Amino acid sequence: MPSDIDPQSGFRLPLPRREDLDETGLKAYDRATAPGATIAGLQGPAGIQLYSPKTAQHLTALNRYLRFEAGFTPQVREVAILTTAREMDSQFEWVAHEPEALKEGVPQDVIDIIKYRKSTAGIDETFAVVIELGRQLWRDHKVTSELFAKTKSVFGPSKLIDLVLLMGNYAGTAGLLAAVDMQLHAGKKPLLPIP
């Protein structure tokens, strides 16, 4: 573990103690530690966000809406998250979401296409569109007219925008995790091939 990593938090700052938090921070702490609230617990984005408790409530609400209320199937949701994690080389997000994707029924071959940046030819059209959208957003920094039209035909305009917002939410989290050098939980092994 790098020398600037706090052993309790797993990142470059110590985990704030509950008793040191103000009212807003206490609410953020309690939301983050509620059973089933997060995949990673306080050793992850929720713990980092305790340093910005006024944003935590909004970020959590936005994430919850985009993940569970925007109308995406669990498989589409996880393909979008994995594609973003892969394009951002976010080992922490990938390790949290690959098992979640498998649990939600994303086929292993689709996960491998994302993980190893393989062609999407021959896979389910919806998965292919989501993967290609994420690749163009995060790798090319622009989306072609053709892919936009195809994505709009699959999802409709409102869900297309929600899909981009979901991916953007996870790209932002990837940036947050990178800034504080978030380490994997004890016993977790890297799953992404990152040079």
N, C-alpha and C. Protein backbone atom coordinates (compact mmCIF):
# COMPACT_ATOMS: atom_id res chain seq x y z
N MET A 1 0.85 -1.18 0.00
CA MET A 1 0.00 0.00 0.00
C MET A 1 0.90 1.24 0.00
N PRO A 2 0.59 2.22 -0.84
CA PRO A 2 1.40 3.44 -0.84
C PRO A 2 1.44 4.10 0.54
N SER A 3 2.53 4.80 0.81
CA SER A 3 2.75 5.36 2.15
C SER A 3 1.75 6.46 2.53
N ASP A 4 1.11 7.09 1.55
CA ASP A 4 0.17 8.16 1.89
C ASP A 4 -1.27 7.67 2.05
N ILE A 5 -1.47 6.36 2.06
CA ILE A 5 -2.81 5.78 2.22
C ILE A 5 -3.09 5.52 3.69
N ASP A 6 -4.21 6.00 4.17
CA ASP A 6 -4.64 5.71 5.53
C ASP A 6 -5.10 4.26 5.58
N PRO A 7 -4.59 3.46 6.51
CA PRO A 7 -4.95 2.04 6.53
C PRO A 7 -6.42 1.77 6.87
N GLN A 8 -7.06 2.65 7.60
CA GLN A 8 -8.47 2.43 7.95
C GLN A 8 -9.39 2.79 6.79
N SER A 9 -9.15 3.93 6.16
CA SER A 9 -10.04 4.39 5.09
C SER A 9 -9.73 3.72 3.75
N GLY A 10 -8.45 3.40 3.53
CA GLY A 10 -8.04 2.85 2.25
C GLY A 10 -7.80 3.92 1.19
N PHE A 11 -7.77 5.19 1.61
CA PHE A 11 -7.48 6.28 0.68
C PHE A 11 -6.60 7.32 1.35
N ARG A 12 -6.33 8.42 0.68
CA ARG A 12 -5.33 9.39 1.12
C ARG A 12 -5.76 10.30 2.26
N LEU A 13 -6.93 10.12 2.77
CA LEU A 13 -7.42 10.90 3.91
C LEU A 13 -7.95 9.92 4.95
N PRO A 14 -7.86 10.28 6.24
CA PRO A 14 -8.45 9.40 7.24
C PRO A 14 -9.98 9.45 7.14
N LEU A 15 -10.61 8.36 7.47
CA LEU A 15 -12.08 8.32 7.47
C LEU A 15 -12.58 9.22 8.59
N PRO A 16 -13.45 10.19 8.25
CA PRO A 16 -13.97 11.05 9.33
C PRO A 16 -14.69 10.22 10.39
N ARG A 17 -14.49 10.61 11.63
CA ARG A 17 -15.18 9.93 12.72
C ARG A 17 -16.58 10.50 12.85
N ARG A 18 -17.54 9.65 13.08
CA ARG A 18 -18.94 10.07 13.16
C ARG A 18 -19.13 11.18 14.18
N GLU A 19 -18.49 11.05 15.32
CA GLU A 19 -18.67 12.04 16.39
C GLU A 19 -18.08 13.42 16.06
N ASP A 20 -17.25 13.50 15.03
CA ASP A 20 -16.67 14.78 14.64
C ASP A 20 -17.47 15.50 13.55
N LEU A 21 -18.53 14.86 13.06
CA LEU A 21 -19.28 15.41 11.94
C LEU A 21 -20.39 16.35 12.42
N ASP A 22 -20.72 17.33 11.58
CA ASP A 22 -21.86 18.20 11.88
C ASP A 22 -23.15 17.47 11.51
N GLU A 23 -24.28 18.14 11.63
CA GLU A 23 -25.57 17.50 11.39
C GLU A 23 -25.68 16.94 9.97
N THR A 24 -25.22 17.70 9.00
CA THR A 24 -25.26 17.23 7.60
C THR A 24 -24.35 16.02 7.42
N GLY A 25 -23.18 16.09 8.02
CA GLY A 25 -22.24 14.97 7.95
C GLY A 25 -22.78 13.72 8.62
N LEU A 26 -23.45 13.90 9.77
CA LEU A 26 -24.06 12.75 10.46
C LEU A 26 -25.09 12.06 9.59
N LYS A 27 -25.91 12.85 8.91
CA LYS A 27 -26.92 12.27 8.01
C LYS A 27 -26.25 11.50 6.87
N ALA A 28 -25.19 12.07 6.31
CA ALA A 28 -24.46 11.40 5.23
C ALA A 28 -23.83 10.10 5.74
N TYR A 29 -23.25 10.15 6.92
CA TYR A 29 -22.63 8.97 7.52
C TYR A 29 -23.68 7.88 7.74
N ASP A 30 -24.80 8.26 8.33
CA ASP A 30 -25.85 7.28 8.63
C ASP A 30 -26.46 6.69 7.36
N ARG A 31 -26.62 7.52 6.32
CA ARG A 31 -27.12 7.00 5.03
C ARG A 31 -26.14 6.00 4.46
N ALA A 32 -24.87 6.32 4.53
CA ALA A 32 -23.84 5.46 3.94
C ALA A 32 -23.66 4.15 4.68
N THR A 33 -23.96 4.14 5.97
CA THR A 33 -23.75 2.92 6.76
C THR A 33 -25.03 2.10 6.95
N ALA A 34 -26.14 2.57 6.39
CA ALA A 34 -27.38 1.80 6.48
C ALA A 34 -27.20 0.50 5.70
N PRO A 35 -27.75 -0.61 6.20
CA PRO A 35 -27.60 -1.90 5.50
C PRO A 35 -28.09 -1.80 4.05
N GLY A 36 -27.24 -2.26 3.14
CA GLY A 36 -27.58 -2.28 1.72
C GLY A 36 -27.47 -0.95 1.01
N ALA A 37 -26.98 0.09 1.69
CA ALA A 37 -26.92 1.43 1.09
C ALA A 37 -25.88 1.52 -0.02
N THR A 38 -24.76 0.84 0.16
CA THR A 38 -23.69 0.90 -0.84
C THR A 38 -23.09 -0.48 -1.03
N ILE A 39 -22.42 -0.65 -2.15
CA ILE A 39 -21.69 -1.91 -2.38
C ILE A 39 -20.41 -1.94 -1.56
N ALA A 40 -19.75 -0.78 -1.43
CA ALA A 40 -18.41 -0.73 -0.83
C ALA A 40 -18.38 -0.25 0.62
N GLY A 41 -19.47 0.29 1.14
CA GLY A 41 -19.45 0.82 2.50
C GLY A 41 -18.64 2.10 2.57
N LEU A 42 -18.12 2.41 3.75
CA LEU A 42 -17.36 3.64 3.92
C LEU A 42 -15.96 3.58 3.30
N GLN A 43 -15.49 2.39 2.99
CA GLN A 43 -14.21 2.28 2.29
C GLN A 43 -14.49 2.34 0.80
N GLY A 44 -14.85 3.54 0.34
CA GLY A 44 -15.20 3.76 -1.05
C GLY A 44 -15.76 5.15 -1.20
N PRO A 45 -16.53 5.38 -2.28
CA PRO A 45 -17.04 6.72 -2.54
C PRO A 45 -17.82 7.33 -1.37
N ALA A 46 -18.61 6.54 -0.66
CA ALA A 46 -19.41 7.09 0.45
C ALA A 46 -18.53 7.65 1.55
N GLY A 47 -17.41 6.99 1.84
CA GLY A 47 -16.49 7.49 2.85
C GLY A 47 -15.78 8.75 2.39
N ILE A 48 -15.39 8.79 1.13
CA ILE A 48 -14.73 9.97 0.57
C ILE A 48 -15.69 11.16 0.61
N GLN A 49 -16.95 10.92 0.27
CA GLN A 49 -17.94 11.99 0.20
C GLN A 49 -18.24 12.59 1.57
N LEU A 50 -17.83 11.94 2.65
CA LEU A 50 -18.01 12.54 3.97
C LEU A 50 -17.21 13.83 4.12
N TYR A 51 -16.22 14.02 3.24
CA TYR A 51 -15.47 15.28 3.23
C TYR A 51 -16.25 16.39 2.53
N SER A 52 -17.35 16.05 1.89
CA SER A 52 -18.21 17.03 1.24
C SER A 52 -19.66 16.64 1.53
N PRO A 53 -20.05 16.65 2.81
CA PRO A 53 -21.36 16.10 3.19
C PRO A 53 -22.55 16.82 2.56
N LYS A 54 -22.39 18.10 2.21
CA LYS A 54 -23.51 18.80 1.59
C LYS A 54 -23.78 18.29 0.18
N THR A 55 -22.77 17.78 -0.49
CA THR A 55 -23.00 17.19 -1.82
C THR A 55 -23.42 15.73 -1.73
N ALA A 56 -23.06 15.05 -0.65
CA ALA A 56 -23.31 13.61 -0.54
C ALA A 56 -24.79 13.27 -0.71
N GLN A 57 -25.67 14.05 -0.07
CA GLN A 57 -27.10 13.76 -0.17
C GLN A 57 -27.56 13.85 -1.63
N HIS A 58 -27.11 14.85 -2.34
CA HIS A 58 -27.53 15.04 -3.73
C HIS A 58 -26.91 13.97 -4.64
N LEU A 59 -25.64 13.69 -4.43
CA LEU A 59 -24.98 12.66 -5.23
C LEU A 59 -25.62 11.29 -5.02
N THR A 60 -25.93 10.98 -3.76
CA THR A 60 -26.57 9.71 -3.45
C THR A 60 -27.95 9.62 -4.09
N ALA A 61 -28.72 10.69 -4.01
CA ALA A 61 -30.06 10.69 -4.61
C ALA A 61 -29.97 10.55 -6.13
N LEU A 62 -29.04 11.25 -6.75
CA LEU A 62 -28.88 11.15 -8.20
C LEU A 62 -28.46 9.74 -8.60
N ASN A 63 -27.49 9.19 -7.88
CA ASN A 63 -27.02 7.83 -8.18
C ASN A 63 -28.16 6.83 -8.03
N ARG A 64 -28.92 6.95 -6.96
CA ARG A 64 -30.03 6.02 -6.71
C ARG A 64 -31.06 6.12 -7.84
N TYR A 65 -31.42 7.36 -8.23
CA TYR A 65 -32.38 7.53 -9.33
C TYR A 65 -31.85 6.88 -10.61
N LEU A 66 -30.62 7.23 -11.00
CA LEU A 66 -30.07 6.73 -12.26
C LEU A 66 -29.92 5.22 -12.26
N ARG A 67 -29.55 4.64 -11.13
CA ARG A 67 -29.35 3.19 -11.07
C ARG A 67 -30.66 2.41 -10.99
N PHE A 68 -31.61 2.91 -10.18
CA PHE A 68 -32.76 2.08 -9.84
C PHE A 68 -34.11 2.62 -10.29
N GLU A 69 -34.19 3.89 -10.66
CA GLU A 69 -35.50 4.46 -10.96
C GLU A 69 -35.62 5.01 -12.39
N ALA A 70 -34.56 5.02 -13.14
CA ALA A 70 -34.59 5.60 -14.50
C ALA A 70 -35.17 4.64 -15.53
N GLY A 71 -35.44 3.41 -15.12
CA GLY A 71 -36.09 2.46 -16.02
C GLY A 71 -35.16 1.55 -16.80
N PHE A 72 -33.90 1.49 -16.42
CA PHE A 72 -32.98 0.58 -17.08
C PHE A 72 -33.08 -0.81 -16.45
N THR A 73 -32.91 -1.83 -17.26
CA THR A 73 -32.83 -3.18 -16.68
C THR A 73 -31.54 -3.25 -15.87
N PRO A 74 -31.48 -4.13 -14.90
CA PRO A 74 -30.23 -4.28 -14.14
C PRO A 74 -29.04 -4.62 -15.04
N GLN A 75 -29.29 -5.39 -16.11
CA GLN A 75 -28.20 -5.76 -17.01
C GLN A 75 -27.67 -4.52 -17.75
N VAL A 76 -28.58 -3.69 -18.29
CA VAL A 76 -28.14 -2.48 -19.00
C VAL A 76 -27.40 -1.55 -18.04
N ARG A 77 -27.94 -1.41 -16.84
CA ARG A 77 -27.30 -0.55 -15.83
C ARG A 77 -25.86 -0.99 -15.59
N GLU A 78 -25.67 -2.28 -15.36
CA GLU A 78 -24.33 -2.77 -15.04
C GLU A 78 -23.39 -2.72 -16.24
N VAL A 79 -23.91 -2.93 -17.45
CA VAL A 79 -23.07 -2.79 -18.65
C VAL A 79 -22.61 -1.34 -18.78
N ALA A 80 -23.49 -0.39 -18.52
CA ALA A 80 -23.12 1.03 -18.58
C ALA A 80 -22.06 1.36 -17.53
N ILE A 81 -22.23 0.84 -16.33
CA ILE A 81 -21.27 1.11 -15.25
C ILE A 81 -19.92 0.47 -15.57
N LEU A 82 -19.95 -0.80 -16.01
CA LEU A 82 -18.69 -1.48 -16.32
C LEU A 82 -17.97 -0.80 -17.49
N THR A 83 -18.72 -0.38 -18.50
CA THR A 83 -18.08 0.29 -19.64
C THR A 83 -17.38 1.56 -19.18
N THR A 84 -18.04 2.32 -18.34
CA THR A 84 -17.43 3.55 -17.82
C THR A 84 -16.22 3.22 -16.96
N ALA A 85 -16.36 2.25 -16.07
CA ALA A 85 -15.23 1.85 -15.21
C ALA A 85 -14.04 1.42 -16.07
N ARG A 86 -14.32 0.68 -17.13
CA ARG A 86 -13.23 0.21 -17.99
C ARG A 86 -12.55 1.36 -18.72
N GLU A 87 -13.36 2.24 -19.30
CA GLU A 87 -12.79 3.35 -20.07
C GLU A 87 -12.05 4.33 -19.16
N MET A 88 -12.43 4.40 -17.90
CA MET A 88 -11.74 5.26 -16.94
C MET A 88 -10.63 4.50 -16.21
N ASP A 89 -10.45 3.20 -16.54
CA ASP A 89 -9.49 2.33 -15.85
C ASP A 89 -9.67 2.39 -14.34
N SER A 90 -10.92 2.36 -13.89
CA SER A 90 -11.23 2.43 -12.46
C SER A 90 -11.31 1.02 -11.88
N GLN A 91 -10.18 0.57 -11.38
CA GLN A 91 -10.09 -0.78 -10.82
C GLN A 91 -11.09 -0.96 -9.68
N PHE A 92 -11.22 0.04 -8.81
CA PHE A 92 -12.11 -0.07 -7.66
C PHE A 92 -13.56 -0.25 -8.12
N GLU A 93 -14.01 0.58 -9.07
CA GLU A 93 -15.39 0.44 -9.57
C GLU A 93 -15.58 -0.91 -10.26
N TRP A 94 -14.59 -1.33 -11.02
CA TRP A 94 -14.72 -2.60 -11.73
C TRP A 94 -14.85 -3.76 -10.74
N VAL A 95 -13.99 -3.78 -9.74
CA VAL A 95 -14.02 -4.87 -8.76
C VAL A 95 -15.35 -4.89 -8.00
N ALA A 96 -15.94 -3.72 -7.78
CA ALA A 96 -17.25 -3.66 -7.12
C ALA A 96 -18.37 -4.12 -8.04
N HIS A 97 -18.26 -3.81 -9.34
CA HIS A 97 -19.41 -4.02 -10.22
C HIS A 97 -19.34 -5.27 -11.11
N GLU A 98 -18.17 -5.87 -11.32
CA GLU A 98 -18.17 -7.12 -12.10
C GLU A 98 -19.00 -8.19 -11.40
N PRO A 99 -18.82 -8.43 -10.10
CA PRO A 99 -19.67 -9.43 -9.45
C PRO A 99 -21.16 -9.04 -9.47
N GLU A 100 -21.43 -7.74 -9.35
CA GLU A 100 -22.81 -7.26 -9.40
C GLU A 100 -23.42 -7.54 -10.77
N ALA A 101 -22.64 -7.31 -11.82
CA ALA A 101 -23.11 -7.57 -13.19
C ALA A 101 -23.42 -9.06 -13.38
N LEU A 102 -22.55 -9.90 -12.89
CA LEU A 102 -22.79 -11.35 -13.00
C LEU A 102 -24.05 -11.74 -12.23
N LYS A 103 -24.20 -11.19 -11.03
CA LYS A 103 -25.38 -11.47 -10.21
C LYS A 103 -26.66 -11.03 -10.92
N GLU A 104 -26.59 -9.93 -11.66
CA GLU A 104 -27.76 -9.40 -12.36
C GLU A 104 -28.00 -10.04 -13.72
N GLY A 105 -27.14 -11.00 -14.10
CA GLY A 105 -27.38 -11.75 -15.33
C GLY A 105 -26.68 -11.24 -16.57
N VAL A 106 -25.69 -10.36 -16.43
CA VAL A 106 -24.92 -9.95 -17.60
C VAL A 106 -24.05 -11.13 -18.02
N PRO A 107 -24.13 -11.54 -19.28
CA PRO A 107 -23.34 -12.69 -19.72
C PRO A 107 -21.83 -12.43 -19.60
N GLN A 108 -21.10 -13.48 -19.25
CA GLN A 108 -19.64 -13.36 -19.10
C GLN A 108 -18.99 -12.86 -20.38
N ASP A 109 -19.50 -13.28 -21.55
CA ASP A 109 -18.87 -12.83 -22.80
C ASP A 109 -19.02 -11.32 -22.99
N VAL A 110 -20.12 -10.74 -22.53
CA VAL A 110 -20.31 -9.29 -22.61
C VAL A 110 -19.34 -8.59 -21.66
N ILE A 111 -19.18 -9.13 -20.47
CA ILE A 111 -18.22 -8.56 -19.51
C ILE A 111 -16.81 -8.61 -20.09
N ASP A 112 -16.46 -9.73 -20.73
CA ASP A 112 -15.13 -9.87 -21.31
C ASP A 112 -14.91 -8.91 -22.48
N ILE A 113 -15.96 -8.64 -23.27
CA ILE A 113 -15.85 -7.67 -24.36
C ILE A 113 -15.50 -6.30 -23.80
N ILE A 114 -16.14 -5.94 -22.70
CA ILE A 114 -15.85 -4.65 -22.07
C ILE A 114 -14.44 -4.69 -21.45
N LYS A 115 -14.18 -5.72 -20.69
CA LYS A 115 -12.91 -5.80 -19.96
C LYS A 115 -11.70 -5.78 -20.89
N TYR A 116 -11.78 -6.53 -21.99
CA TYR A 116 -10.63 -6.66 -22.88
C TYR A 116 -10.75 -5.78 -24.12
N ARG A 117 -11.74 -4.87 -24.10
CA ARG A 117 -11.94 -3.90 -25.18
C ARG A 117 -12.04 -4.57 -26.54
N LYS A 118 -12.84 -5.63 -26.59
CA LYS A 118 -13.06 -6.38 -27.82
C LYS A 118 -14.21 -5.77 -28.62
N SER A 119 -14.35 -6.24 -29.84
CA SER A 119 -15.43 -5.81 -30.71
C SER A 119 -16.78 -6.22 -30.14
N THR A 120 -17.78 -5.38 -30.37
CA THR A 120 -19.14 -5.69 -29.92
C THR A 120 -19.94 -6.42 -30.99
N ALA A 121 -19.32 -6.73 -32.10
CA ALA A 121 -20.02 -7.41 -33.19
C ALA A 121 -20.60 -8.74 -32.70
N GLY A 122 -21.87 -8.96 -33.00
CA GLY A 122 -22.51 -10.24 -32.71
C GLY A 122 -23.17 -10.34 -31.35
N ILE A 123 -23.05 -9.32 -30.50
CA ILE A 123 -23.73 -9.41 -29.20
C ILE A 123 -25.07 -8.68 -29.27
N ASP A 124 -25.87 -8.84 -28.24
CA ASP A 124 -27.16 -8.18 -28.13
C ASP A 124 -27.02 -6.70 -28.48
N GLU A 125 -27.93 -6.21 -29.34
CA GLU A 125 -27.83 -4.83 -29.84
C GLU A 125 -27.85 -3.81 -28.72
N THR A 126 -28.68 -4.02 -27.72
CA THR A 126 -28.75 -3.05 -26.62
C THR A 126 -27.42 -2.96 -25.88
N PHE A 127 -26.83 -4.11 -25.56
CA PHE A 127 -25.53 -4.10 -24.90
C PHE A 127 -24.47 -3.42 -25.79
N ALA A 128 -24.49 -3.76 -27.08
CA ALA A 128 -23.50 -3.20 -28.01
C ALA A 128 -23.61 -1.67 -28.06
N VAL A 129 -24.83 -1.15 -28.12
CA VAL A 129 -25.04 0.29 -28.18
C VAL A 129 -24.51 0.97 -26.92
N VAL A 130 -24.79 0.38 -25.76
CA VAL A 130 -24.33 0.95 -24.49
C VAL A 130 -22.80 0.96 -24.44
N ILE A 131 -22.19 -0.13 -24.83
CA ILE A 131 -20.72 -0.23 -24.81
C ILE A 131 -20.11 0.78 -25.78
N GLU A 132 -20.64 0.84 -26.99
CA GLU A 132 -20.10 1.78 -27.98
C GLU A 132 -20.29 3.23 -27.54
N LEU A 133 -21.44 3.54 -26.93
CA LEU A 133 -21.67 4.88 -26.42
C LEU A 133 -20.62 5.25 -25.37
N GLY A 134 -20.40 4.37 -24.43
CA GLY A 134 -19.39 4.63 -23.39
C GLY A 134 -17.99 4.78 -23.97
N ARG A 135 -17.67 3.95 -24.94
CA ARG A 135 -16.35 4.05 -25.56
C ARG A 135 -16.18 5.38 -26.28
N GLN A 136 -17.21 5.80 -27.00
CA GLN A 136 -17.09 7.08 -27.70
C GLN A 136 -17.05 8.25 -26.72
N LEU A 137 -17.87 8.21 -25.69
CA LEU A 137 -17.87 9.29 -24.70
C LEU A 137 -16.52 9.44 -24.04
N TRP A 138 -15.98 8.35 -23.48
CA TRP A 138 -14.81 8.44 -22.62
C TRP A 138 -13.49 8.25 -23.35
N ARG A 139 -13.52 7.63 -24.52
CA ARG A 139 -12.28 7.43 -25.28
C ARG A 139 -12.13 8.49 -26.37
N ASP A 140 -13.21 8.72 -27.12
CA ASP A 140 -13.16 9.64 -28.25
C ASP A 140 -13.58 11.06 -27.89
N HIS A 141 -14.29 11.21 -26.78
CA HIS A 141 -14.79 12.50 -26.30
C HIS A 141 -15.77 13.15 -27.27
N LYS A 142 -16.43 12.32 -28.06
CA LYS A 142 -17.52 12.76 -28.93
C LYS A 142 -18.30 11.54 -29.37
N VAL A 143 -19.56 11.76 -29.70
CA VAL A 143 -20.43 10.67 -30.13
C VAL A 143 -20.83 10.96 -31.57
N THR A 144 -20.67 9.96 -32.43
CA THR A 144 -21.02 10.15 -33.84
C THR A 144 -22.53 10.30 -34.00
N SER A 145 -22.92 10.93 -35.07
CA SER A 145 -24.35 11.08 -35.38
C SER A 145 -25.01 9.71 -35.53
N GLU A 146 -24.30 8.78 -36.13
CA GLU A 146 -24.86 7.44 -36.35
C GLU A 146 -25.12 6.73 -35.03
N LEU A 147 -24.16 6.78 -34.13
CA LEU A 147 -24.36 6.10 -32.85
C LEU A 147 -25.43 6.80 -32.03
N PHE A 148 -25.45 8.12 -32.06
CA PHE A 148 -26.50 8.84 -31.34
C PHE A 148 -27.88 8.41 -31.83
N ALA A 149 -28.04 8.37 -33.15
CA ALA A 149 -29.34 7.97 -33.72
C ALA A 149 -29.70 6.54 -33.34
N LYS A 150 -28.72 5.66 -33.35
CA LYS A 150 -28.97 4.27 -32.99
C LYS A 150 -29.34 4.14 -31.51
N THR A 151 -28.62 4.86 -30.67
CA THR A 151 -28.91 4.82 -29.23
C THR A 151 -30.29 5.40 -28.95
N LYS A 152 -30.64 6.48 -29.64
CA LYS A 152 -31.96 7.09 -29.48
C LYS A 152 -33.06 6.13 -29.93
N SER A 153 -32.80 5.36 -30.98
CA SER A 153 -33.82 4.41 -31.45
C SER A 153 -34.01 3.26 -30.46
N VAL A 154 -32.95 2.89 -29.75
CA VAL A 154 -33.05 1.81 -28.76
C VAL A 154 -33.69 2.30 -27.47
N PHE A 155 -33.32 3.49 -27.00
CA PHE A 155 -33.75 3.95 -25.68
C PHE A 155 -34.78 5.08 -25.70
N GLY A 156 -34.88 5.80 -26.80
CA GLY A 156 -35.69 7.01 -26.81
C GLY A 156 -34.84 8.15 -26.26
N PRO A 157 -35.25 9.39 -26.54
CA PRO A 157 -34.40 10.53 -26.15
C PRO A 157 -34.21 10.70 -24.65
N SER A 158 -35.24 10.52 -23.85
CA SER A 158 -35.10 10.75 -22.41
C SER A 158 -34.20 9.72 -21.76
N LYS A 159 -34.40 8.45 -22.10
CA LYS A 159 -33.55 7.41 -21.50
C LYS A 159 -32.12 7.48 -22.03
N LEU A 160 -31.95 7.96 -23.25
CA LEU A 160 -30.60 8.16 -23.77
C LEU A 160 -29.86 9.16 -22.87
N ILE A 161 -30.52 10.27 -22.56
CA ILE A 161 -29.89 11.27 -21.69
C ILE A 161 -29.64 10.71 -20.30
N ASP A 162 -30.60 9.95 -19.76
CA ASP A 162 -30.38 9.32 -18.46
C ASP A 162 -29.22 8.33 -18.51
N LEU A 163 -29.05 7.64 -19.63
CA LEU A 163 -27.93 6.71 -19.79
C LEU A 163 -26.60 7.46 -19.75
N VAL A 164 -26.53 8.58 -20.45
CA VAL A 164 -25.31 9.40 -20.42
C VAL A 164 -25.07 9.93 -19.01
N LEU A 165 -26.14 10.35 -18.32
CA LEU A 165 -25.99 10.83 -16.95
C LEU A 165 -25.52 9.71 -16.01
N LEU A 166 -26.02 8.49 -16.20
CA LEU A 166 -25.55 7.35 -15.40
C LEU A 166 -24.06 7.14 -15.62
N MET A 167 -23.65 7.13 -16.88
CA MET A 167 -22.23 6.94 -17.17
C MET A 167 -21.40 8.10 -16.61
N GLY A 168 -21.93 9.32 -16.73
CA GLY A 168 -21.22 10.48 -16.19
C GLY A 168 -21.09 10.42 -14.68
N ASN A 169 -22.12 9.90 -14.02
CA ASN A 169 -22.08 9.74 -12.57
C ASN A 169 -20.92 8.82 -12.18
N TYR A 170 -20.75 7.72 -12.91
CA TYR A 170 -19.67 6.78 -12.60
C TYR A 170 -18.31 7.30 -13.06
N ALA A 171 -18.27 8.11 -14.11
CA ALA A 171 -17.00 8.74 -14.50
C ALA A 171 -16.55 9.71 -13.42
N GLY A 172 -17.51 10.47 -12.86
CA GLY A 172 -17.18 11.38 -11.76
C GLY A 172 -16.66 10.63 -10.55
N THR A 173 -17.30 9.51 -10.25
CA THR A 173 -16.85 8.69 -9.12
C THR A 173 -15.45 8.14 -9.39
N ALA A 174 -15.20 7.73 -10.63
CA ALA A 174 -13.86 7.23 -10.99
C ALA A 174 -12.81 8.31 -10.75
N GLY A 175 -13.14 9.55 -11.09
CA GLY A 175 -12.22 10.65 -10.84
C GLY A 175 -11.97 10.86 -9.36
N LEU A 176 -13.03 10.80 -8.58
CA LEU A 176 -12.91 10.95 -7.13
C LEU A 176 -12.02 9.85 -6.55
N LEU A 177 -12.26 8.62 -6.98
CA LEU A 177 -11.46 7.49 -6.50
C LEU A 177 -9.99 7.62 -6.90
N ALA A 178 -9.74 8.11 -8.12
CA ALA A 178 -8.36 8.28 -8.58
C ALA A 178 -7.64 9.37 -7.79
N ALA A 179 -8.34 10.47 -7.50
CA ALA A 179 -7.71 11.59 -6.78
C ALA A 179 -7.20 11.17 -5.41
N VAL A 180 -7.95 10.33 -4.73
CA VAL A 180 -7.55 9.91 -3.37
C VAL A 180 -6.86 8.55 -3.37
N ASP A 181 -6.58 8.01 -4.55
CA ASP A 181 -5.90 6.71 -4.71
C ASP A 181 -6.59 5.62 -3.89
N MET A 182 -7.91 5.50 -4.06
CA MET A 182 -8.69 4.50 -3.33
C MET A 182 -8.14 3.10 -3.61
N GLN A 183 -7.82 2.40 -2.54
CA GLN A 183 -7.28 1.05 -2.65
C GLN A 183 -8.42 0.03 -2.62
N LEU A 184 -8.17 -1.13 -3.18
CA LEU A 184 -9.15 -2.20 -3.11
C LEU A 184 -9.29 -2.67 -1.67
N HIS A 185 -10.46 -3.17 -1.35
CA HIS A 185 -10.68 -3.73 -0.01
C HIS A 185 -9.72 -4.90 0.22
N ALA A 186 -9.37 -5.12 1.47
CA ALA A 186 -8.48 -6.22 1.85
C ALA A 186 -9.02 -7.52 1.27
N GLY A 187 -8.14 -8.28 0.66
CA GLY A 187 -8.52 -9.57 0.10
C GLY A 187 -9.06 -9.52 -1.33
N LYS A 188 -9.36 -8.32 -1.83
CA LYS A 188 -9.85 -8.19 -3.20
C LYS A 188 -8.67 -8.10 -4.15
N LYS A 189 -8.79 -8.77 -5.28
CA LYS A 189 -7.72 -8.76 -6.27
C LYS A 189 -8.15 -7.91 -7.46
N PRO A 190 -7.20 -7.24 -8.10
CA PRO A 190 -7.53 -6.47 -9.31
C PRO A 190 -8.10 -7.39 -10.38
N LEU A 191 -9.13 -6.95 -11.06
CA LEU A 191 -9.76 -7.74 -12.10
C LEU A 191 -9.58 -7.14 -13.49
N LEU A 192 -9.19 -5.87 -13.55
CA LEU A 192 -8.99 -5.20 -14.84
C LEU A 192 -7.54 -5.30 -15.27
N PRO A 193 -7.30 -5.63 -16.52
CA PRO A 193 -5.91 -5.62 -17.02
C PRO A 193 -5.49 -4.18 -17.33
N ILE A 194 -4.83 -3.56 -16.38
CA ILE A 194 -4.36 -2.19 -16.55
C ILE A 194 -2.83 -2.23 -16.53
N PRO A 195 -2.21 -1.68 -17.59
CA PRO A 195 -0.73 -1.74 -17.63
C PRO A 195 -0.10 -1.01 -16.48
